[in-house]
Amino acid sequence: MVELSFNLTPVDEKPHRRYRKGSKYDPIIEAFMAGTDDIVSVDVEGKDANYIRTQLNKRIEAQGLSGIKVSVTNNVAYLERE
């Protein structure tokens, strides 16, 4: 049997989870809302369109925004006004 080296440290309580106040995807939504275009394509370097859609939808829901829709067609994410 192989020995495993470890260390246990007593603590009084588990720390609370820290939440972010915003998201790096918020500026995308803010820029779209400030603009006048009804539909725009969104490209984030190194991120898949479906991932972008998921993140933007989470931020739209968290901010309680309405009238904005995120969709993906042919692996391109689109933000559009409803």
N, C-alpha and C. Protein backbone atom coordinates (compact mmCIF):
# COMPACT_ATOMS: atom_id res chain seq x y z
N MET A 1 0.84 -1.18 0.00
CA MET A 1 0.00 0.00 0.00
C MET A 1 0.89 1.25 0.00
N VAL A 2 0.56 2.22 -0.86
CA VAL A 2 1.34 3.43 -1.00
C VAL A 2 0.88 4.45 0.04
N GLU A 3 1.84 5.07 0.72
CA GLU A 3 1.49 6.09 1.70
C GLU A 3 1.17 7.41 1.01
N LEU A 4 0.19 8.09 1.55
CA LEU A 4 -0.25 9.36 1.00
C LEU A 4 0.09 10.45 2.00
N SER A 5 0.78 11.47 1.53
CA SER A 5 1.16 12.58 2.40
C SER A 5 0.07 13.64 2.36
N PHE A 6 -0.45 14.02 3.53
CA PHE A 6 -1.49 15.05 3.58
C PHE A 6 -1.42 15.80 4.89
N ASN A 7 -2.20 16.88 4.97
CA ASN A 7 -2.21 17.72 6.16
C ASN A 7 -3.64 18.16 6.42
N LEU A 8 -4.13 18.00 7.64
CA LEU A 8 -5.46 18.47 8.02
C LEU A 8 -5.31 19.67 8.93
N THR A 9 -6.07 20.73 8.63
CA THR A 9 -5.99 21.95 9.42
C THR A 9 -7.39 22.29 9.94
N PRO A 10 -7.53 22.41 11.25
CA PRO A 10 -8.86 22.74 11.79
C PRO A 10 -9.26 24.19 11.48
N VAL A 11 -10.55 24.41 11.20
CA VAL A 11 -11.09 25.75 10.94
C VAL A 11 -12.36 25.92 11.75
N ASP A 12 -12.73 27.16 12.04
CA ASP A 12 -13.95 27.42 12.80
C ASP A 12 -15.20 27.25 11.95
N GLU A 13 -15.15 27.76 10.73
CA GLU A 13 -16.29 27.62 9.83
C GLU A 13 -15.83 27.75 8.39
N LYS A 14 -16.65 27.25 7.50
CA LYS A 14 -16.36 27.33 6.07
C LYS A 14 -16.64 28.75 5.58
N PRO A 15 -15.75 29.35 4.78
CA PRO A 15 -15.99 30.71 4.29
C PRO A 15 -17.17 30.77 3.33
N HIS A 16 -17.81 31.93 3.27
CA HIS A 16 -18.92 32.12 2.35
C HIS A 16 -18.40 32.28 0.94
N ARG A 17 -19.21 31.84 0.01
CA ARG A 17 -18.83 31.96 -1.39
C ARG A 17 -18.86 33.42 -1.80
N ARG A 18 -17.89 33.84 -2.58
CA ARG A 18 -17.83 35.21 -3.07
C ARG A 18 -18.43 35.26 -4.47
N TYR A 19 -19.34 36.18 -4.67
CA TYR A 19 -19.99 36.34 -5.96
C TYR A 19 -19.42 37.55 -6.67
N ARG A 20 -19.33 37.46 -7.97
CA ARG A 20 -18.89 38.59 -8.77
C ARG A 20 -20.02 39.59 -8.88
N LYS A 21 -19.68 40.83 -8.92
CA LYS A 21 -20.69 41.89 -9.05
C LYS A 21 -21.17 42.03 -10.49
N GLY A 22 -20.39 41.59 -11.43
CA GLY A 22 -20.76 41.71 -12.83
C GLY A 22 -20.15 40.58 -13.62
N SER A 23 -20.10 40.75 -14.89
CA SER A 23 -19.56 39.73 -15.77
C SER A 23 -18.77 40.41 -16.89
N LYS A 24 -17.82 39.68 -17.43
CA LYS A 24 -17.07 40.23 -18.54
C LYS A 24 -17.94 40.31 -19.80
N TYR A 25 -19.12 39.69 -19.77
CA TYR A 25 -20.03 39.73 -20.90
C TYR A 25 -21.01 40.90 -20.81
N ASP A 26 -21.07 41.59 -19.68
CA ASP A 26 -21.96 42.73 -19.52
C ASP A 26 -21.68 43.84 -20.53
N PRO A 27 -20.41 44.17 -20.83
CA PRO A 27 -20.16 45.24 -21.82
C PRO A 27 -20.73 44.93 -23.20
N ILE A 28 -20.84 43.66 -23.56
CA ILE A 28 -21.42 43.29 -24.87
C ILE A 28 -22.89 43.69 -24.89
N ILE A 29 -23.61 43.36 -23.82
CA ILE A 29 -25.03 43.68 -23.74
C ILE A 29 -25.23 45.20 -23.67
N GLU A 30 -24.40 45.87 -22.88
CA GLU A 30 -24.51 47.32 -22.74
C GLU A 30 -24.25 48.03 -24.08
N ALA A 31 -23.26 47.57 -24.82
CA ALA A 31 -22.96 48.17 -26.12
C ALA A 31 -24.10 47.95 -27.10
N PHE A 32 -24.71 46.77 -27.07
CA PHE A 32 -25.85 46.49 -27.96
C PHE A 32 -27.03 47.38 -27.61
N MET A 33 -27.30 47.52 -26.31
CA MET A 33 -28.44 48.34 -25.88
C MET A 33 -28.21 49.82 -26.22
N ALA A 34 -26.97 50.27 -26.17
CA ALA A 34 -26.66 51.66 -26.48
C ALA A 34 -26.73 51.94 -27.98
N GLY A 35 -26.55 50.89 -28.78
CA GLY A 35 -26.58 51.06 -30.24
C GLY A 35 -27.99 51.12 -30.78
N THR A 36 -28.09 51.30 -32.08
CA THR A 36 -29.39 51.42 -32.73
C THR A 36 -29.72 50.23 -33.63
N ASP A 37 -28.77 49.33 -33.82
CA ASP A 37 -28.99 48.19 -34.70
C ASP A 37 -29.98 47.21 -34.06
N ASP A 38 -30.83 46.60 -34.90
CA ASP A 38 -31.81 45.64 -34.40
C ASP A 38 -31.22 44.25 -34.24
N ILE A 39 -30.17 43.96 -34.99
CA ILE A 39 -29.52 42.65 -34.89
C ILE A 39 -28.03 42.81 -35.17
N VAL A 40 -27.22 42.15 -34.35
CA VAL A 40 -25.76 42.18 -34.53
C VAL A 40 -25.20 40.78 -34.31
N SER A 41 -24.09 40.49 -34.95
CA SER A 41 -23.39 39.24 -34.68
C SER A 41 -22.38 39.51 -33.57
N VAL A 42 -22.16 38.50 -32.73
CA VAL A 42 -21.25 38.64 -31.60
C VAL A 42 -20.14 37.61 -31.75
N ASP A 43 -18.90 38.08 -31.72
CA ASP A 43 -17.76 37.18 -31.81
C ASP A 43 -16.82 37.48 -30.64
N VAL A 44 -16.56 36.48 -29.83
CA VAL A 44 -15.62 36.60 -28.73
C VAL A 44 -14.47 35.66 -29.01
N GLU A 45 -13.27 36.21 -29.06
CA GLU A 45 -12.09 35.42 -29.41
C GLU A 45 -11.92 34.22 -28.48
N GLY A 46 -11.79 33.05 -29.08
CA GLY A 46 -11.55 31.83 -28.33
C GLY A 46 -12.78 31.18 -27.73
N LYS A 47 -13.98 31.73 -28.01
CA LYS A 47 -15.21 31.18 -27.45
C LYS A 47 -16.15 30.72 -28.56
N ASP A 48 -16.79 29.58 -28.32
CA ASP A 48 -17.75 29.01 -29.24
C ASP A 48 -19.06 29.81 -29.19
N ALA A 49 -19.78 29.85 -30.29
CA ALA A 49 -21.02 30.62 -30.36
C ALA A 49 -22.05 30.13 -29.35
N ASN A 50 -22.14 28.82 -29.14
CA ASN A 50 -23.11 28.30 -28.18
C ASN A 50 -22.74 28.69 -26.75
N TYR A 51 -21.46 28.77 -26.45
CA TYR A 51 -21.01 29.22 -25.13
C TYR A 51 -21.36 30.69 -24.94
N ILE A 52 -21.14 31.50 -25.96
CA ILE A 52 -21.48 32.92 -25.90
C ILE A 52 -22.97 33.08 -25.65
N ARG A 53 -23.78 32.31 -26.36
CA ARG A 53 -25.24 32.38 -26.17
C ARG A 53 -25.61 32.08 -24.73
N THR A 54 -25.03 31.04 -24.17
CA THR A 54 -25.33 30.66 -22.79
C THR A 54 -24.96 31.77 -21.81
N GLN A 55 -23.77 32.32 -21.97
CA GLN A 55 -23.31 33.37 -21.06
C GLN A 55 -24.16 34.64 -21.18
N LEU A 56 -24.47 35.03 -22.40
CA LEU A 56 -25.28 36.23 -22.59
C LEU A 56 -26.69 36.03 -22.06
N ASN A 57 -27.26 34.86 -22.26
CA ASN A 57 -28.60 34.58 -21.72
C ASN A 57 -28.60 34.63 -20.20
N LYS A 58 -27.55 34.12 -19.57
CA LYS A 58 -27.45 34.19 -18.11
C LYS A 58 -27.42 35.63 -17.63
N ARG A 59 -26.66 36.48 -18.32
CA ARG A 59 -26.54 37.88 -17.92
C ARG A 59 -27.84 38.64 -18.17
N ILE A 60 -28.53 38.34 -19.27
CA ILE A 60 -29.81 38.98 -19.57
C ILE A 60 -30.83 38.62 -18.49
N GLU A 61 -30.84 37.35 -18.10
CA GLU A 61 -31.76 36.91 -17.05
C GLU A 61 -31.39 37.52 -15.70
N ALA A 62 -30.11 37.56 -15.37
CA ALA A 62 -29.66 38.11 -14.09
C ALA A 62 -29.98 39.59 -13.96
N GLN A 63 -29.93 40.31 -15.07
CA GLN A 63 -30.21 41.74 -15.05
C GLN A 63 -31.69 42.04 -15.21
N GLY A 64 -32.49 41.01 -15.50
CA GLY A 64 -33.93 41.20 -15.66
C GLY A 64 -34.29 41.99 -16.90
N LEU A 65 -33.49 41.85 -17.95
CA LEU A 65 -33.73 42.59 -19.19
C LEU A 65 -34.77 41.87 -20.04
N SER A 66 -35.55 42.64 -20.76
CA SER A 66 -36.50 42.05 -21.70
C SER A 66 -36.33 42.73 -23.04
N GLY A 67 -36.79 42.08 -24.08
CA GLY A 67 -36.68 42.65 -25.41
C GLY A 67 -35.38 42.35 -26.11
N ILE A 68 -34.54 41.52 -25.50
CA ILE A 68 -33.28 41.12 -26.12
C ILE A 68 -33.26 39.61 -26.25
N LYS A 69 -32.87 39.13 -27.40
CA LYS A 69 -32.82 37.69 -27.67
C LYS A 69 -31.44 37.32 -28.19
N VAL A 70 -30.93 36.17 -27.77
CA VAL A 70 -29.65 35.67 -28.26
C VAL A 70 -29.93 34.37 -29.01
N SER A 71 -29.37 34.24 -30.19
CA SER A 71 -29.55 33.02 -30.97
C SER A 71 -28.25 32.66 -31.65
N VAL A 72 -28.18 31.41 -32.11
CA VAL A 72 -27.01 30.92 -32.83
C VAL A 72 -27.48 30.29 -34.14
N THR A 73 -26.87 30.72 -35.23
CA THR A 73 -27.13 30.14 -36.54
C THR A 73 -25.79 29.95 -37.23
N ASN A 74 -25.54 28.75 -37.72
CA ASN A 74 -24.29 28.43 -38.42
C ASN A 74 -23.08 28.81 -37.59
N ASN A 75 -23.11 28.50 -36.30
CA ASN A 75 -22.03 28.74 -35.36
C ASN A 75 -21.65 30.22 -35.25
N VAL A 76 -22.64 31.10 -35.40
CA VAL A 76 -22.46 32.53 -35.18
C VAL A 76 -23.54 32.97 -34.20
N ALA A 77 -23.13 33.68 -33.15
CA ALA A 77 -24.08 34.18 -32.15
C ALA A 77 -24.62 35.53 -32.60
N TYR A 78 -25.91 35.74 -32.39
CA TYR A 78 -26.57 36.98 -32.75
C TYR A 78 -27.32 37.54 -31.56
N LEU A 79 -27.23 38.84 -31.37
CA LEU A 79 -28.05 39.56 -30.41
C LEU A 79 -29.08 40.33 -31.22
N GLU A 80 -30.35 40.22 -30.82
CA GLU A 80 -31.39 40.94 -31.57
C GLU A 80 -32.44 41.49 -30.63
N ARG A 81 -33.03 42.58 -31.06
CA ARG A 81 -34.13 43.20 -30.32
C ARG A 81 -35.42 42.50 -30.72
N GLU A 82 -36.26 42.25 -29.74
CA GLU A 82 -37.54 41.59 -30.04
C GLU A 82 -38.63 42.62 -30.21
